[in-house]
Every structure is written in structure tokens, then in C-alpha cells.
Amino acid sequence: MRWIHLRGWVTLITALCVTALAVQSPVLAVEKKTSQAKVNINQAGSEQLVTLPGIGPAMAKRIIEHRTKNGPFKRVEDIMSVKGIGEKKFQKIRERLTL
């Protein structure tokens, strides 16, 4: 008898988890779409910068520090003056950058 009762709870919890995942799926799709949005490297905060491929929190901090110390970027290519962003990384993020 206990086994049947426990099995009912497991079924209920499983159903709730599946429902929660189904509800979150459209949200995840929207997040993926917005992650392709252009990022203004002269105004973006850390949250926006980390959406760029290969840019983590530490690199985002360096970009912001560079921008604060040296003024706004004049061309998107100028981001390569930030330590850790070379030609290869720049090519991966180029299409997502704007001023």
C-alpha cells in the first residue's frame, strides 16, 4: 500500500517537472534570440558584454575598465586593444558589436 502511495507522489512530481520545463522552453528560446542582439561596446554593462561569445565576467570587466580609462571606442576594431581580445576572438564577436 505504501508503495502505491509513494509511486503516486513520484508520478505527480515528475508531471510537475515536465510541465515546468515545457513552460520554460519558450523563455529559453527568447533568451537565445536576444543573445544575438547587437551590443554597444561603449555603453554595455557587464550583463550585456558576457552575452558575446568568449566574453566572460573577467573580460567584460577589462572592457569596461579600458573604456573608462581610455574613453569610448572609436571603431569596433578598437576593442582588440583590450588585453585578451585578439584577432581570433574579435572575428567571433565582430557581427554583434556596435558603437
PDB file of N, CA and C in Angstrom:
ATOM      1  N   MET A   1       0.820  -1.180   0.000  1.00  0.00           N
ATOM      2  CA  MET A   1       0.000   0.000   0.000  1.00  0.00           C
ATOM      3  C   MET A   1       0.874   1.259   0.000  1.00  0.00           C
ATOM      4  N   ARG A   2       1.925   1.283   0.806  1.00  0.00           N
ATOM      5  CA  ARG A   2       2.819   2.440   0.842  1.00  0.00           C
ATOM      6  C   ARG A   2       3.486   2.648  -0.517  1.00  0.00           C
ATOM      7  N   TRP A   3       3.825   1.560  -1.165  1.00  0.00           N
ATOM      8  CA  TRP A   3       4.491   1.637  -2.463  1.00  0.00           C
ATOM      9  C   TRP A   3       3.604   2.367  -3.485  1.00  0.00           C
ATOM     10  N   ILE A   4       2.335   2.062  -3.493  1.00  0.00           N
ATOM     11  CA  ILE A   4       1.395   2.698  -4.416  1.00  0.00           C
ATOM     12  C   ILE A   4       1.293   4.184  -4.089  1.00  0.00           C
ATOM     13  N   HIS A   5       1.229   4.513  -2.815  1.00  0.00           N
ATOM     14  CA  HIS A   5       1.147   5.910  -2.395  1.00  0.00           C
ATOM     15  C   HIS A   5       2.413   6.670  -2.812  1.00  0.00           C
ATOM     16  N   LEU A   6       3.579   6.088  -2.576  1.00  0.00           N
ATOM     17  CA  LEU A   6       4.854   6.703  -2.951  1.00  0.00           C
ATOM     18  C   LEU A   6       4.947   6.858  -4.466  1.00  0.00           C
ATOM     19  N   ARG A   7       4.488   5.859  -5.182  1.00  0.00           N
ATOM     20  CA  ARG A   7       4.520   5.897  -6.649  1.00  0.00           C
ATOM     21  C   ARG A   7       3.653   7.052  -7.168  1.00  0.00           C
ATOM     22  N   GLY A   8       2.549   7.318  -6.514  1.00  0.00           N
ATOM     23  CA  GLY A   8       1.686   8.434  -6.904  1.00  0.00           C
ATOM     24  C   GLY A   8       2.399   9.771  -6.744  1.00  0.00           C
ATOM     25  N   TRP A   9       3.120   9.918  -5.650  1.00  0.00           N
ATOM     26  CA  TRP A   9       3.876  11.157  -5.430  1.00  0.00           C
ATOM     27  C   TRP A   9       4.971  11.326  -6.477  1.00  0.00           C
ATOM     28  N   VAL A  10       5.664  10.244  -6.779  1.00  0.00           N
ATOM     29  CA  VAL A  10       6.726  10.310  -7.787  1.00  0.00           C
ATOM     30  C   VAL A  10       6.132  10.709  -9.135  1.00  0.00           C
ATOM     31  N   THR A  11       4.994  10.153  -9.470  1.00  0.00           N
ATOM     32  CA  THR A  11       4.322  10.496 -10.729  1.00  0.00           C
ATOM     33  C   THR A  11       3.921  11.964 -10.737  1.00  0.00           C
ATOM     34  N   LEU A  12       3.387  12.440  -9.639  1.00  0.00           N
ATOM     35  CA  LEU A  12       2.974  13.831  -9.536  1.00  0.00           C
ATOM     36  C   LEU A  12       4.170  14.770  -9.678  1.00  0.00           C
ATOM     37  N   ILE A  13       5.250  14.477  -8.988  1.00  0.00           N
ATOM     38  CA  ILE A  13       6.448  15.319  -9.047  1.00  0.00           C
ATOM     39  C   ILE A  13       7.030  15.309 -10.461  1.00  0.00           C
ATOM     40  N   THR A  14       7.055  14.161 -11.090  1.00  0.00           N
ATOM     41  CA  THR A  14       7.551  14.057 -12.458  1.00  0.00           C
ATOM     42  C   THR A  14       6.699  14.898 -13.399  1.00  0.00           C
ATOM     43  N   ALA A  15       5.399  14.823 -13.241  1.00  0.00           N
ATOM     44  CA  ALA A  15       4.494  15.603 -14.091  1.00  0.00           C
ATOM     45  C   ALA A  15       4.722  17.093 -13.899  1.00  0.00           C
ATOM     46  N   LEU A  16       4.922  17.520 -12.658  1.00  0.00           N
ATOM     47  CA  LEU A  16       5.176  18.931 -12.388  1.00  0.00           C
ATOM     48  C   LEU A  16       6.491  19.397 -13.012  1.00  0.00           C
ATOM     49  N   CYS A  17       7.503  18.565 -12.940  1.00  0.00           N
ATOM     50  CA  CYS A  17       8.795  18.911 -13.533  1.00  0.00           C
ATOM     51  C   CYS A  17       8.689  19.035 -15.050  1.00  0.00           C
ATOM     52  N   VAL A  18       8.004  18.106 -15.671  1.00  0.00           N
ATOM     53  CA  VAL A  18       7.820  18.149 -17.121  1.00  0.00           C
ATOM     54  C   VAL A  18       7.036  19.393 -17.509  1.00  0.00           C
ATOM     55  N   THR A  19       6.016  19.729 -16.743  1.00  0.00           N
ATOM     56  CA  THR A  19       5.226  20.924 -17.013  1.00  0.00           C
ATOM     57  C   THR A  19       6.085  22.176 -16.864  1.00  0.00           C
ATOM     58  N   ALA A  20       6.889  22.215 -15.834  1.00  0.00           N
ATOM     59  CA  ALA A  20       7.755  23.374 -15.613  1.00  0.00           C
ATOM     60  C   ALA A  20       8.741  23.532 -16.766  1.00  0.00           C
ATOM     61  N   LEU A  21       9.302  22.455 -17.254  1.00  0.00           N
ATOM     62  CA  LEU A  21      10.222  22.524 -18.380  1.00  0.00           C
ATOM     63  C   LEU A  21       9.511  22.993 -19.644  1.00  0.00           C
ATOM     64  N   ALA A  22       8.292  22.518 -19.849  1.00  0.00           N
ATOM     65  CA  ALA A  22       7.536  22.919 -21.030  1.00  0.00           C
ATOM     66  C   ALA A  22       7.208  24.406 -20.984  1.00  0.00           C
ATOM     67  N   VAL A  23       6.913  24.910 -19.810  1.00  0.00           N
ATOM     68  CA  VAL A  23       6.601  26.332 -19.666  1.00  0.00           C
ATOM     69  C   VAL A  23       7.858  27.172 -19.877  1.00  0.00           C
ATOM     70  N   GLN A  24       9.015  26.696 -19.452  1.00  0.00           N
ATOM     71  CA  GLN A  24      10.251  27.466 -19.573  1.00  0.00           C
ATOM     72  C   GLN A  24      10.814  27.439 -20.985  1.00  0.00           C
ATOM     73  N   SER A  25      10.472  26.481 -21.800  1.00  0.00           N
ATOM     74  CA  SER A  25      11.045  26.360 -23.135  1.00  0.00           C
ATOM     75  C   SER A  25      10.899  27.626 -23.971  1.00  0.00           C
ATOM     76  N   PRO A  26       9.714  28.251 -24.039  1.00  0.00           N
ATOM     77  CA  PRO A  26       9.620  29.481 -24.819  1.00  0.00           C
ATOM     78  C   PRO A  26      10.523  30.587 -24.268  1.00  0.00           C
ATOM     79  N   VAL A  27      10.681  30.622 -22.969  1.00  0.00           N
ATOM     80  CA  VAL A  27      11.552  31.629 -22.361  1.00  0.00           C
ATOM     81  C   VAL A  27      12.983  31.408 -22.809  1.00  0.00           C
ATOM     82  N   LEU A  28      13.434  30.155 -22.808  1.00  0.00           N
ATOM     83  CA  LEU A  28      14.788  29.858 -23.241  1.00  0.00           C
ATOM     84  C   LEU A  28      14.977  30.227 -24.705  1.00  0.00           C
ATOM     85  N   ALA A  29      13.968  29.997 -25.532  1.00  0.00           N
ATOM     86  CA  ALA A  29      14.061  30.358 -26.938  1.00  0.00           C
ATOM     87  C   ALA A  29      14.201  31.863 -27.097  1.00  0.00           C
ATOM     88  N   VAL A  30      13.484  32.632 -26.309  1.00  0.00           N
ATOM     89  CA  VAL A  30      13.577  34.090 -26.368  1.00  0.00           C
ATOM     90  C   VAL A  30      14.961  34.538 -25.935  1.00  0.00           C
ATOM     91  N   GLU A  31      15.505  33.923 -24.888  1.00  0.00           N
ATOM     92  CA  GLU A  31      16.833  34.294 -24.428  1.00  0.00           C
ATOM     93  C   GLU A  31      17.872  34.039 -25.508  1.00  0.00           C
ATOM     94  N   LYS A  32      17.746  32.923 -26.227  1.00  0.00           N
ATOM     95  CA  LYS A  32      18.692  32.632 -27.292  1.00  0.00           C
ATOM     96  C   LYS A  32      18.592  33.674 -28.397  1.00  0.00           C
ATOM     97  N   LYS A  33      17.366  34.096 -28.716  1.00  0.00           N
ATOM     98  CA  LYS A  33      17.196  35.107 -29.749  1.00  0.00           C
ATOM     99  C   LYS A  33      17.797  36.429 -29.319  1.00  0.00           C
ATOM    100  N   THR A  34      17.573  36.829 -28.079  1.00  0.00           N
ATOM    101  CA  THR A  34      18.101  38.112 -27.622  1.00  0.00           C
ATOM    102  C   THR A  34      19.609  38.058 -27.463  1.00  0.00           C
ATOM    103  N   SER A  35      20.171  36.880 -27.319  1.00  0.00           N
ATOM    104  CA  SER A  35      21.619  36.793 -27.188  1.00  0.00           C
ATOM    105  C   SER A  35      22.308  37.066 -28.519  1.00  0.00           C
ATOM    106  N   GLN A  36      21.548  37.184 -29.610  1.00  0.00           N
ATOM    107  CA  GLN A  36      22.105  37.527 -30.909  1.00  0.00           C
ATOM    108  C   GLN A  36      22.015  39.033 -31.173  1.00  0.00           C
ATOM    109  N   ALA A  37      21.503  39.773 -30.212  1.00  0.00           N
ATOM    110  CA  ALA A  37      21.342  41.212 -30.371  1.00  0.00           C
ATOM    111  C   ALA A  37      22.699  41.899 -30.393  1.00  0.00           C
ATOM    112  N   LYS A  38      22.737  43.044 -31.046  1.00  0.00           N
ATOM    113  CA  LYS A  38      23.960  43.857 -31.092  1.00  0.00           C
ATOM    114  C   LYS A  38      24.265  44.394 -29.696  1.00  0.00           C
ATOM    115  N   VAL A  39      25.540  44.535 -29.412  1.00  0.00           N
ATOM    116  CA  VAL A  39      25.992  45.046 -28.118  1.00  0.00           C
ATOM    117  C   VAL A  39      26.803  46.310 -28.364  1.00  0.00           C
ATOM    118  N   ASN A  40      26.367  47.399 -27.774  1.00  0.00           N
ATOM    119  CA  ASN A  40      27.081  48.666 -27.889  1.00  0.00           C
ATOM    120  C   ASN A  40      28.240  48.641 -26.893  1.00  0.00           C
ATOM    121  N   ILE A  41      29.438  48.513 -27.416  1.00  0.00           N
ATOM    122  CA  ILE A  41      30.596  48.348 -26.533  1.00  0.00           C
ATOM    123  C   ILE A  41      30.972  49.624 -25.787  1.00  0.00           C
ATOM    124  N   ASN A  42      30.389  50.747 -26.159  1.00  0.00           N
ATOM    125  CA  ASN A  42      30.641  51.994 -25.431  1.00  0.00           C
ATOM    126  C   ASN A  42      29.644  52.214 -24.300  1.00  0.00           C
ATOM    127  N   GLN A  43      28.558  51.463 -24.279  1.00  0.00           N
ATOM    128  CA  GLN A  43      27.537  51.663 -23.259  1.00  0.00           C
ATOM    129  C   GLN A  43      27.183  50.403 -22.484  1.00  0.00           C
ATOM    130  N   ALA A  44      27.511  49.254 -23.012  1.00  0.00           N
ATOM    131  CA  ALA A  44      27.087  47.988 -22.411  1.00  0.00           C
ATOM    132  C   ALA A  44      27.699  47.768 -21.036  1.00  0.00           C
ATOM    133  N   GLY A  45      26.873  47.224 -20.160  1.00  0.00           N
ATOM    134  CA  GLY A  45      27.352  46.792 -18.861  1.00  0.00           C
ATOM    135  C   GLY A  45      27.863  45.366 -18.964  1.00  0.00           C
ATOM    136  N   SER A  46      28.315  44.865 -17.874  1.00  0.00           N
ATOM    137  CA  SER A  46      28.850  43.511 -17.829  1.00  0.00           C
ATOM    138  C   SER A  46      27.825  42.473 -18.289  1.00  0.00           C
ATOM    139  N   GLU A  47      26.548  42.675 -17.916  1.00  0.00           N
ATOM    140  CA  GLU A  47      25.496  41.709 -18.262  1.00  0.00           C
ATOM    141  C   GLU A  47      25.360  41.554 -19.771  1.00  0.00           C
ATOM    142  N   GLN A  48      25.468  42.661 -20.512  1.00  0.00           N
ATOM    143  CA  GLN A  48      25.353  42.592 -21.964  1.00  0.00           C
ATOM    144  C   GLN A  48      26.640  42.062 -22.594  1.00  0.00           C
ATOM    145  N   LEU A  49      27.773  42.470 -22.076  1.00  0.00           N
ATOM    146  CA  LEU A  49      29.046  42.046 -22.656  1.00  0.00           C
ATOM    147  C   LEU A  49      29.250  40.538 -22.564  1.00  0.00           C
ATOM    148  N   VAL A  50      28.805  39.926 -21.479  1.00  0.00           N
ATOM    149  CA  VAL A  50      29.003  38.475 -21.333  1.00  0.00           C
ATOM    150  C   VAL A  50      28.114  37.670 -22.279  1.00  0.00           C
ATOM    151  N   THR A  51      27.182  38.319 -22.965  1.00  0.00           N
ATOM    152  CA  THR A  51      26.389  37.592 -23.969  1.00  0.00           C
ATOM    153  C   THR A  51      27.181  37.371 -25.249  1.00  0.00           C
ATOM    154  N   LEU A  52      28.312  38.047 -25.382  1.00  0.00           N
ATOM    155  CA  LEU A  52      29.162  37.865 -26.554  1.00  0.00           C
ATOM    156  C   LEU A  52      29.948  36.564 -26.431  1.00  0.00           C
ATOM    157  N   PRO A  53      30.117  35.843 -27.538  1.00  0.00           N
ATOM    158  CA  PRO A  53      30.856  34.575 -27.490  1.00  0.00           C
ATOM    159  C   PRO A  53      32.290  34.772 -27.001  1.00  0.00           C
ATOM    160  N   GLY A  54      32.675  33.998 -26.016  1.00  0.00           N
ATOM    161  CA  GLY A  54      34.041  34.041 -25.500  1.00  0.00           C
ATOM    162  C   GLY A  54      34.323  35.170 -24.525  1.00  0.00           C
ATOM    163  N   ILE A  55      33.305  35.944 -24.179  1.00  0.00           N
ATOM    164  CA  ILE A  55      33.491  37.044 -23.223  1.00  0.00           C
ATOM    165  C   ILE A  55      32.848  36.644 -21.899  1.00  0.00           C
ATOM    166  N   GLY A  56      33.691  36.446 -20.899  1.00  0.00           N
ATOM    167  CA  GLY A  56      33.198  36.104 -19.573  1.00  0.00           C
ATOM    168  C   GLY A  56      33.216  37.331 -18.678  1.00  0.00           C
ATOM    169  N   PRO A  57      32.888  37.148 -17.408  1.00  0.00           N
ATOM    170  CA  PRO A  57      32.856  38.275 -16.474  1.00  0.00           C
ATOM    171  C   PRO A  57      34.186  39.023 -16.351  1.00  0.00           C
ATOM    172  N   ALA A  58      35.286  38.306 -16.342  1.00  0.00           N
ATOM    173  CA  ALA A  58      36.592  38.962 -16.202  1.00  0.00           C
ATOM    174  C   ALA A  58      36.910  39.814 -17.431  1.00  0.00           C
ATOM    175  N   MET A  59      36.621  39.276 -18.617  1.00  0.00           N
ATOM    176  CA  MET A  59      36.884  40.029 -19.845  1.00  0.00           C
ATOM    177  C   MET A  59      35.947  41.227 -19.937  1.00  0.00           C
ATOM    178  N   ALA A  60      34.696  41.060 -19.545  1.00  0.00           N
ATOM    179  CA  ALA A  60      33.735  42.168 -19.555  1.00  0.00           C
ATOM    180  C   ALA A  60      34.248  43.291 -18.647  1.00  0.00           C
ATOM    181  N   LYS A  61      34.779  42.919 -17.502  1.00  0.00           N
ATOM    182  CA  LYS A  61      35.325  43.908 -16.570  1.00  0.00           C
ATOM    183  C   LYS A  61      36.495  44.656 -17.211  1.00  0.00           C
ATOM    184  N   ARG A  62      37.360  43.929 -17.939  1.00  0.00           N
ATOM    185  CA  ARG A  62      38.501  44.569 -18.610  1.00  0.00           C
ATOM    186  C   ARG A  62      38.041  45.539 -19.695  1.00  0.00           C
ATOM    187  N   ILE A  63      36.990  45.162 -20.425  1.00  0.00           N
ATOM    188  CA  ILE A  63      36.458  46.044 -21.473  1.00  0.00           C
ATOM    189  C   ILE A  63      35.951  47.336 -20.841  1.00  0.00           C
ATOM    190  N   ILE A  64      35.189  47.198 -19.766  1.00  0.00           N
ATOM    191  CA  ILE A  64      34.638  48.379 -19.091  1.00  0.00           C
ATOM    192  C   ILE A  64      35.755  49.242 -18.507  1.00  0.00           C
ATOM    193  N   GLU A  65      36.747  48.614 -17.892  1.00  0.00           N
ATOM    194  CA  GLU A  65      37.877  49.362 -17.338  1.00  0.00           C
ATOM    195  C   GLU A  65      38.642  50.097 -18.433  1.00  0.00           C
ATOM    196  N   HIS A  66      38.855  49.431 -19.565  1.00  0.00           N
ATOM    197  CA  HIS A  66      39.563  50.051 -20.684  1.00  0.00           C
ATOM    198  C   HIS A  66      38.782  51.257 -21.196  1.00  0.00           C
ATOM    199  N   ARG A  67      37.482  51.089 -21.337  1.00  0.00           N
ATOM    200  CA  ARG A  67      36.606  52.153 -21.816  1.00  0.00           C
ATOM    201  C   ARG A  67      36.601  53.338 -20.841  1.00  0.00           C
ATOM    202  N   THR A  68      36.587  53.061 -19.560  1.00  0.00           N
ATOM    203  CA  THR A  68      36.576  54.104 -18.539  1.00  0.00           C
ATOM    204  C   THR A  68      37.898  54.875 -18.535  1.00  0.00           C
ATOM    205  N   LYS A  69      38.995  54.141 -18.640  1.00  0.00           N
ATOM    206  CA  LYS A  69      40.324  54.749 -18.590  1.00  0.00           C
ATOM    207  C   LYS A  69      40.667  55.510 -19.874  1.00  0.00           C
ATOM    208  N   ASN A  70      40.302  54.945 -21.038  1.00  0.00           N
ATOM    209  CA  ASN A  70      40.742  55.496 -22.320  1.00  0.00           C
ATOM    210  C   ASN A  70      39.656  56.208 -23.116  1.00  0.00           C
ATOM    211  N   GLY A  71      38.456  56.246 -22.595  1.00  0.00           N
ATOM    212  CA  GLY A  71      37.360  56.866 -23.330  1.00  0.00           C
ATOM    213  C   GLY A  71      36.686  55.863 -24.256  1.00  0.00           C
ATOM    214  N   PRO A  72      35.640  56.312 -24.933  1.00  0.00           N
ATOM    215  CA  PRO A  72      34.874  55.391 -25.776  1.00  0.00           C
ATOM    216  C   PRO A  72      35.688  54.866 -26.960  1.00  0.00           C
ATOM    217  N   PHE A  73      35.301  53.684 -27.417  1.00  0.00           N
ATOM    218  CA  PHE A  73      35.923  53.108 -28.603  1.00  0.00           C
ATOM    219  C   PHE A  73      35.463  53.926 -29.811  1.00  0.00           C
ATOM    220  N   LYS A  74      36.375  54.198 -30.727  1.00  0.00           N
ATOM    221  CA  LYS A  74      36.030  54.969 -31.922  1.00  0.00           C
ATOM    222  C   LYS A  74      35.576  54.057 -33.065  1.00  0.00           C
ATOM    223  N   ARG A  75      36.103  52.832 -33.083  1.00  0.00           N
ATOM    224  CA  ARG A  75      35.722  51.811 -34.069  1.00  0.00           C
ATOM    225  C   ARG A  75      35.562  50.493 -33.323  1.00  0.00           C
ATOM    226  N   VAL A  76      34.743  49.598 -33.832  1.00  0.00           N
ATOM    227  CA  VAL A  76      34.574  48.314 -33.139  1.00  0.00           C
ATOM    228  C   VAL A  76      35.897  47.551 -33.098  1.00  0.00           C
ATOM    229  N   GLU A  77      36.759  47.749 -34.080  1.00  0.00           N
ATOM    230  CA  GLU A  77      38.063  47.078 -34.104  1.00  0.00           C
ATOM    231  C   GLU A  77      38.941  47.491 -32.927  1.00  0.00           C
ATOM    232  N   ASP A  78      38.675  48.652 -32.354  1.00  0.00           N
ATOM    233  CA  ASP A  78      39.472  49.141 -31.225  1.00  0.00           C
ATOM    234  C   ASP A  78      39.342  48.259 -29.989  1.00  0.00           C
ATOM    235  N   ILE A  79      38.337  47.400 -29.963  1.00  0.00           N
ATOM    236  CA  ILE A  79      38.181  46.503 -28.811  1.00  0.00           C
ATOM    237  C   ILE A  79      39.369  45.545 -28.707  1.00  0.00           C
ATOM    238  N   MET A  80      40.099  45.370 -29.815  1.00  0.00           N
ATOM    239  CA  MET A  80      41.270  44.497 -29.784  1.00  0.00           C
ATOM    240  C   MET A  80      42.406  45.092 -28.953  1.00  0.00           C
ATOM    241  N   SER A  81      42.278  46.351 -28.548  1.00  0.00           N
ATOM    242  CA  SER A  81      43.288  46.941 -27.669  1.00  0.00           C
ATOM    243  C   SER A  81      43.100  46.498 -26.220  1.00  0.00           C
ATOM    244  N   VAL A  82      42.000  45.809 -25.947  1.00  0.00           N
ATOM    245  CA  VAL A  82      41.763  45.244 -24.612  1.00  0.00           C
ATOM    246  C   VAL A  82      42.552  43.946 -24.513  1.00  0.00           C
ATOM    247  N   LYS A  83      43.327  43.817 -23.448  1.00  0.00           N
ATOM    248  CA  LYS A  83      44.142  42.613 -23.250  1.00  0.00           C
ATOM    249  C   LYS A  83      43.254  41.373 -23.260  1.00  0.00           C
ATOM    250  N   GLY A  84      43.612  40.409 -24.089  1.00  0.00           N
ATOM    251  CA  GLY A  84      42.863  39.159 -24.166  1.00  0.00           C
ATOM    252  C   GLY A  84      41.920  39.082 -25.359  1.00  0.00           C
ATOM    253  N   ILE A  85      41.761  40.200 -26.073  1.00  0.00           N
ATOM    254  CA  ILE A  85      40.928  40.172 -27.283  1.00  0.00           C
ATOM    255  C   ILE A  85      41.844  40.382 -28.479  1.00  0.00           C
ATOM    256  N   GLY A  86      42.106  39.283 -29.147  1.00  0.00           N
ATOM    257  CA  GLY A  86      42.938  39.322 -30.340  1.00  0.00           C
ATOM    258  C   GLY A  86      42.069  39.197 -31.586  1.00  0.00           C
ATOM    259  N   GLU A  87      42.727  39.029 -32.701  1.00  0.00           N
ATOM    260  CA  GLU A  87      42.044  38.924 -33.992  1.00  0.00           C
ATOM    261  C   GLU A  87      41.034  37.779 -34.013  1.00  0.00           C
ATOM    262  N   LYS A  88      41.418  36.639 -33.462  1.00  0.00           N
ATOM    263  CA  LYS A  88      40.547  35.458 -33.489  1.00  0.00           C
ATOM    264  C   LYS A  88      39.248  35.696 -32.705  1.00  0.00           C
ATOM    265  N   LYS A  89      39.379  36.192 -31.491  1.00  0.00           N
ATOM    266  CA  LYS A  89      38.199  36.451 -30.665  1.00  0.00           C
ATOM    267  C   LYS A  89      37.361  37.573 -31.287  1.00  0.00           C
ATOM    268  N   PHE A  90      38.045  38.584 -31.821  1.00  0.00           N
ATOM    269  CA  PHE A  90      37.332  39.689 -32.458  1.00  0.00           C
ATOM    270  C   PHE A  90      36.466  39.187 -33.614  1.00  0.00           C
ATOM    271  N   GLN A  91      37.000  38.300 -34.410  1.00  0.00           N
ATOM    272  CA  GLN A  91      36.239  37.768 -35.552  1.00  0.00           C
ATOM    273  C   GLN A  91      34.987  37.025 -35.091  1.00  0.00           C
ATOM    274  N   LYS A  92      35.034  36.385 -33.927  1.00  0.00           N
ATOM    275  CA  LYS A  92      33.880  35.661 -33.399  1.00  0.00           C
ATOM    276  C   LYS A  92      32.762  36.602 -32.923  1.00  0.00           C
ATOM    277  N   ILE A  93      33.153  37.816 -32.487  1.00  0.00           N
ATOM    278  CA  ILE A  93      32.150  38.722 -31.914  1.00  0.00           C
ATOM    279  C   ILE A  93      31.842  39.926 -32.811  1.00  0.00           C
ATOM    280  N   ARG A  94      32.598  40.102 -33.864  1.00  0.00           N
ATOM    281  CA  ARG A  94      32.506  41.290 -34.713  1.00  0.00           C
ATOM    282  C   ARG A  94      31.084  41.651 -35.128  1.00  0.00           C
ATOM    283  N   GLU A  95      30.333  40.685 -35.608  1.00  0.00           N
ATOM    284  CA  GLU A  95      28.980  40.950 -36.115  1.00  0.00           C
ATOM    285  C   GLU A  95      28.004  41.393 -35.029  1.00  0.00           C
ATOM    286  N   ARG A  96      28.343  41.142 -33.793  1.00  0.00           N
ATOM    287  CA  ARG A  96      27.459  41.503 -32.675  1.00  0.00           C
ATOM    288  C   ARG A  96      27.816  42.842 -32.061  1.00  0.00           C
ATOM    289  N   LEU A  97      28.891  43.473 -32.521  1.00  0.00           N
ATOM    290  CA  LEU A  97      29.366  44.717 -31.922  1.00  0.00           C
ATOM    291  C   LEU A  97      28.828  45.939 -32.652  1.00  0.00           C
ATOM    292  N   THR A  98      28.552  46.967 -31.886  1.00  0.00           N
ATOM    293  CA  THR A  98      28.165  48.256 -32.437  1.00  0.00           C
ATOM    294  C   THR A  98      28.667  49.340 -31.500  1.00  0.00           C
ATOM    295  N   LEU A  99      28.643  50.571 -32.003  1.00  0.00           N
ATOM    296  CA  LEU A  99      29.069  51.721 -31.186  1.00  0.00           C
ATOM    297  C   LEU A  99      27.865  52.590 -30.867  1.00  0.00           C
TER     298      LEU A  99
END
